[in-house]
N, C-alpha and C. Protein backbone atom coordinates (compact mmCIF):
# COMPACT_ATOMS: atom_id res chain seq x y z
N MET A 1 -3.95 -2.35 20.92
CA MET A 1 -2.63 -2.72 20.63
C MET A 1 -1.89 -3.96 19.52
N VAL A 2 -3.23 -4.84 19.90
CA VAL A 2 -3.06 -6.06 19.06
C VAL A 2 -3.45 -5.98 17.98
N ALA A 3 -4.86 -4.80 17.62
CA ALA A 3 -5.40 -4.45 17.05
C ALA A 3 -4.29 -3.83 15.71
N VAL A 4 -3.21 -3.24 16.33
CA VAL A 4 -2.40 -1.92 15.47
C VAL A 4 -1.47 -3.16 15.39
N PHE A 5 -1.08 -4.52 15.76
CA PHE A 5 -0.31 -5.21 15.84
C PHE A 5 -0.81 -6.25 14.15
N LEU A 6 -1.98 -6.49 14.77
CA LEU A 6 -2.73 -6.92 13.11
C LEU A 6 -2.25 -6.24 11.91
N LEU A 7 -2.94 -5.19 12.23
CA LEU A 7 -3.24 -4.53 11.17
C LEU A 7 -1.47 -4.19 10.03
N GLY A 8 -0.52 -3.97 10.98
CA GLY A 8 0.43 -3.72 10.16
C GLY A 8 0.68 -5.00 9.62
N GLY A 9 0.19 -6.37 10.22
CA GLY A 9 0.80 -7.53 9.41
C GLY A 9 0.34 -7.59 8.19
N CYS A 10 -0.94 -6.91 8.27
CA CYS A 10 -2.31 -7.04 7.03
C CYS A 10 -1.81 -6.16 5.73
N ILE A 11 -1.07 -4.92 6.60
CA ILE A 11 -0.32 -4.10 5.43
C ILE A 11 1.33 -4.20 5.08
N THR A 12 1.87 -5.56 5.35
CA THR A 12 2.87 -5.85 4.94
C THR A 12 2.66 -7.02 4.21
N ALA A 13 1.54 -7.20 4.19
CA ALA A 13 1.32 -8.60 3.00
C ALA A 13 1.14 -7.72 1.50
N PHE A 14 0.03 -6.50 1.54
CA PHE A 14 0.65 -5.70 0.79
C PHE A 14 1.44 -5.61 -0.48
N LEU A 15 2.81 -5.74 -0.03
CA LEU A 15 4.31 -6.04 -0.47
C LEU A 15 4.48 -7.12 -1.65
N THR A 16 3.67 -8.36 -0.90
CA THR A 16 3.56 -9.33 -1.63
C THR A 16 2.77 -9.26 -3.08
N LEU A 17 1.82 -8.75 -2.54
CA LEU A 17 0.29 -8.55 -3.30
C LEU A 17 0.92 -7.91 -4.35
N ALA A 18 1.51 -6.37 -4.44
CA ALA A 18 1.89 -5.78 -5.28
C ALA A 18 3.14 -6.29 -6.52
N LEU A 19 3.76 -7.38 -5.88
CA LEU A 19 5.01 -8.09 -6.43
C LEU A 19 4.48 -8.75 -7.15
N ILE A 20 3.15 -9.63 -6.89
CA ILE A 20 2.17 -10.41 -7.77
C ILE A 20 1.79 -9.58 -8.78
N ALA A 21 1.34 -8.32 -8.34
CA ALA A 21 0.40 -7.89 -9.49
C ALA A 21 1.15 -7.21 -10.61
N SER A 22 2.60 -6.80 -10.19
CA SER A 22 3.71 -6.28 -11.18
C SER A 22 4.10 -7.05 -12.04
N THR A 23 3.74 -8.62 -11.92
CA THR A 23 4.78 -9.71 -12.40
C THR A 23 3.54 -10.08 -13.39
N LEU A 24 2.35 -9.92 -13.09
CA LEU A 24 1.31 -10.43 -14.14
C LEU A 24 0.03 -9.29 -14.63
N THR A 25 1.23 -8.00 -14.59
CA THR A 25 0.60 -7.14 -15.65
C THR A 25 0.94 -7.03 -16.65
N LYS A 26 0.70 -6.69 -17.87
CA LYS A 26 0.80 -6.72 -19.46
C LYS A 26 1.47 -5.60 -19.55
N SER A 27 1.86 -4.02 -19.21
CA SER A 27 2.81 -3.22 -19.24
C SER A 27 4.35 -3.25 -18.97
N GLY A 28 4.87 -2.73 -19.86
CA GLY A 28 6.74 -2.72 -19.26
C GLY A 28 7.27 -4.58 -18.91
N SER A 29 7.92 -4.23 -18.46
CA SER A 29 8.65 -5.40 -18.37
C SER A 29 9.03 -5.58 -16.86
N MET A 30 8.79 -6.93 -16.94
CA MET A 30 8.61 -7.60 -14.83
C MET A 30 9.43 -7.07 -14.53
N ALA A 31 10.80 -6.97 -15.02
CA ALA A 31 12.05 -6.17 -13.94
C ALA A 31 11.69 -5.06 -13.56
N SER A 32 11.37 -4.25 -14.78
CA SER A 32 11.11 -2.83 -14.60
C SER A 32 9.81 -2.32 -13.29
N ASN A 33 8.72 -3.04 -13.79
CA ASN A 33 7.37 -2.86 -12.44
C ASN A 33 7.78 -3.96 -11.24
N VAL A 34 8.86 -4.83 -11.29
CA VAL A 34 8.92 -5.17 -9.84
C VAL A 34 10.03 -4.14 -8.98
N SER A 35 10.62 -3.31 -9.95
CA SER A 35 11.72 -2.23 -9.90
C SER A 35 11.14 -1.06 -9.32
N LEU A 36 9.86 -1.02 -9.54
CA LEU A 36 9.17 -0.03 -9.39
C LEU A 36 8.18 -0.24 -8.09
N VAL A 37 7.82 -0.85 -8.19
CA VAL A 37 7.19 -1.41 -6.45
C VAL A 37 8.20 -1.25 -5.92
N SER A 38 9.51 -1.69 -5.63
CA SER A 38 10.59 -2.36 -4.81
C SER A 38 10.58 -0.80 -4.45
N MET A 39 10.54 0.27 -5.38
CA MET A 39 11.70 1.79 -5.32
C MET A 39 9.83 2.48 -4.58
N PHE A 40 9.05 2.51 -4.68
CA PHE A 40 7.77 2.85 -4.11
C PHE A 40 7.43 2.82 -2.49
N TYR A 41 7.84 1.39 -2.40
CA TYR A 41 7.96 0.73 -1.27
C TYR A 41 9.07 1.04 0.20
N THR A 42 10.34 1.08 -0.80
CA THR A 42 11.44 1.71 0.04
C THR A 42 11.11 3.59 0.49
N ALA A 43 10.09 4.10 -0.72
CA ALA A 43 9.77 5.20 -0.33
C ALA A 43 9.03 5.66 0.60
N SER A 44 8.01 4.85 0.49
CA SER A 44 6.77 4.68 1.92
C SER A 44 7.38 4.25 3.27
N ALA A 45 7.97 3.45 3.10
CA ALA A 45 9.23 2.95 4.10
C ALA A 45 9.90 4.52 4.94
N PHE A 46 10.21 4.98 4.25
CA PHE A 46 10.55 6.37 4.59
C PHE A 46 9.67 7.45 5.14
N ILE A 47 8.79 7.88 3.89
CA ILE A 47 8.58 8.70 4.53
C ILE A 47 6.43 8.71 4.97
N GLY A 48 6.45 6.81 5.00
CA GLY A 48 4.94 6.92 6.07
C GLY A 48 5.31 7.48 7.37
N PRO A 49 6.33 6.67 8.54
CA PRO A 49 6.45 6.84 9.54
C PRO A 49 6.65 8.73 9.34
N LEU A 50 6.62 9.38 8.89
CA LEU A 50 6.81 10.72 9.12
C LEU A 50 5.78 11.44 9.35
N LEU A 51 4.28 10.56 8.47
CA LEU A 51 3.32 11.07 7.79
C LEU A 51 2.41 11.07 9.47
N ALA A 52 2.66 9.77 9.47
CA ALA A 52 1.90 8.70 10.74
C ALA A 52 2.70 9.48 11.73
N GLY A 53 3.78 9.85 12.60
CA GLY A 53 4.31 10.97 13.49
C GLY A 53 3.42 12.30 13.17
N ALA A 54 3.08 12.49 12.32
CA ALA A 54 2.83 14.03 12.30
C ALA A 54 1.42 13.99 12.22
N THR A 55 0.34 13.06 11.86
CA THR A 55 -0.84 12.90 12.11
C THR A 55 -0.97 12.57 13.61
N MET A 56 0.16 11.98 14.79
CA MET A 56 -0.67 11.21 15.82
C MET A 56 -0.05 12.48 16.48
N GLN A 57 0.73 13.32 16.63
CA GLN A 57 1.12 14.56 16.69
C GLN A 57 -0.54 15.46 16.96
N THR A 58 -0.59 15.18 15.70
CA THR A 58 -2.11 16.34 15.40
C THR A 58 -4.06 15.92 16.21
N ALA A 59 -3.10 14.82 16.06
CA ALA A 59 -4.80 13.64 16.42
C ALA A 59 -4.39 12.60 17.31
N LYS A 60 -3.56 13.09 18.56
CA LYS A 60 -3.00 12.03 19.52
C LYS A 60 -3.17 10.67 18.51
N SER A 61 -3.10 9.53 19.74
CA SER A 61 -2.47 8.54 19.11
C SER A 61 -3.82 7.72 18.06
N ASP A 62 -4.78 8.53 18.55
CA ASP A 62 -6.61 7.26 17.92
C ASP A 62 -5.74 8.41 16.22
N GLY A 63 -5.21 9.05 16.17
CA GLY A 63 -4.49 9.14 14.53
C GLY A 63 -3.99 8.45 13.65
N LEU A 64 -3.43 7.20 14.95
CA LEU A 64 -2.54 6.43 14.28
C LEU A 64 -3.68 5.54 12.70
N MET A 65 -4.77 4.98 13.91
CA MET A 65 -5.57 4.02 13.64
C MET A 65 -6.27 4.77 12.08
N GLY A 66 -6.61 5.75 12.43
CA GLY A 66 -7.36 6.64 11.26
C GLY A 66 -6.28 6.81 9.90
N PHE A 67 -4.87 6.95 10.23
CA PHE A 67 -3.82 6.88 8.92
C PHE A 67 -3.79 5.66 8.69
N THR A 68 -3.33 4.78 9.43
CA THR A 68 -3.28 3.27 8.49
C THR A 68 -4.61 2.65 7.90
N ALA A 69 -5.68 2.84 8.37
CA ALA A 69 -7.00 2.92 7.56
C ALA A 69 -6.90 3.28 6.13
N VAL A 70 -6.62 4.53 6.35
CA VAL A 70 -6.60 5.24 5.13
C VAL A 70 -5.64 4.59 3.82
N ILE A 71 -4.48 4.27 4.69
CA ILE A 71 -3.70 4.10 3.83
C ILE A 71 -4.25 2.61 3.40
N ALA A 72 -4.62 1.42 4.10
CA ALA A 72 -4.80 0.36 3.88
C ALA A 72 -6.26 0.47 2.47
N VAL A 73 -6.84 1.23 2.77
CA VAL A 73 -8.16 1.11 1.63
C VAL A 73 -7.24 2.25 0.36
N ILE A 74 -6.86 3.18 0.61
CA ILE A 74 -6.17 3.05 -0.84
C ILE A 74 -4.92 2.34 -1.28
N MET A 75 -4.16 1.56 -0.60
CA MET A 75 -3.38 0.61 -1.40
C MET A 75 -4.45 -0.79 -1.97
N ALA A 76 -5.59 -0.85 -1.23
CA ALA A 76 -6.70 -2.08 -1.90
C ALA A 76 -7.18 -1.44 -2.60
N ILE A 77 -7.66 -0.25 -2.93
CA ILE A 77 -7.98 0.56 -4.72
C ILE A 77 -7.16 -0.02 -5.39
N ALA A 78 -6.09 0.49 -5.08
CA ALA A 78 -4.72 0.44 -6.32
C ALA A 78 -4.92 -0.65 -6.32
N LEU A 79 -4.27 -1.79 -5.79
CA LEU A 79 -4.31 -3.52 -6.31
C LEU A 79 -5.49 -3.60 -6.74
N ARG A 80 -6.18 -3.13 -5.94
CA ARG A 80 -7.80 -3.88 -7.07
C ARG A 80 -7.73 -3.10 -8.76
N ARG A 81 -7.38 -2.27 -8.87
CA ARG A 81 -7.69 -1.29 -9.88
C ARG A 81 -6.35 -2.04 -10.99
N THR A 82 -5.29 -2.67 -10.70
CA THR A 82 -3.97 -3.40 -10.91
C THR A 82 -4.64 -4.91 -11.23
N LEU A 83 -5.10 -5.52 -10.54
CA LEU A 83 -5.38 -6.78 -10.39
C LEU A 83 -7.15 -6.85 -11.54
N VAL A 84 -7.43 -6.39 -11.54
CA VAL A 84 -8.86 -6.22 -12.29
C VAL A 84 -8.59 -5.68 -13.37
N PRO A 85 -9.31 -6.02 -14.51
CA PRO A 85 -9.03 -5.40 -15.90
C PRO A 85 -10.11 -4.05 -15.70
N ALA A 86 -10.02 -3.22 -16.38
CA ALA A 86 -11.35 -2.21 -16.51
C ALA A 86 -12.56 -2.85 -17.66
N GLN A 87 -13.90 -3.07 -16.78
CA GLN A 87 -14.63 -3.47 -18.04
C GLN A 87 -14.83 -2.59 -19.10
N ARG A 88 -14.73 -2.85 -20.39
CA ARG A 88 -14.82 -1.85 -21.28
C ARG A 88 -16.92 -2.10 -21.95
N THR A 89 -17.01 -0.63 -21.84
CA THR A 89 -18.81 -1.12 -22.39
C THR A 89 -18.70 -0.75 -23.74
N ALA A 90 -19.35 -1.49 -24.78
CA ALA A 90 -19.44 -1.55 -26.01
C ALA A 90 -19.91 -0.41 -27.04
């Protein structure tokens, strides 16, 4: 139970990192970038629990940890791609 609580706190921190990343990107305006992050966060707040519930029904309670881990990895990769510019080969 403690691990799920801590993981939930870490995932919530991704919102702050996403907002920081959206203000640092050079594509689009800051307002539109922050608006997009806000819209995706709101949509995921609705869709995420539905997917987590379906996962738990099929894989029992262990499915929640797997679901949370997969989502955390996807978010980390997306943020890394946003914050670290692609290295170009000459």
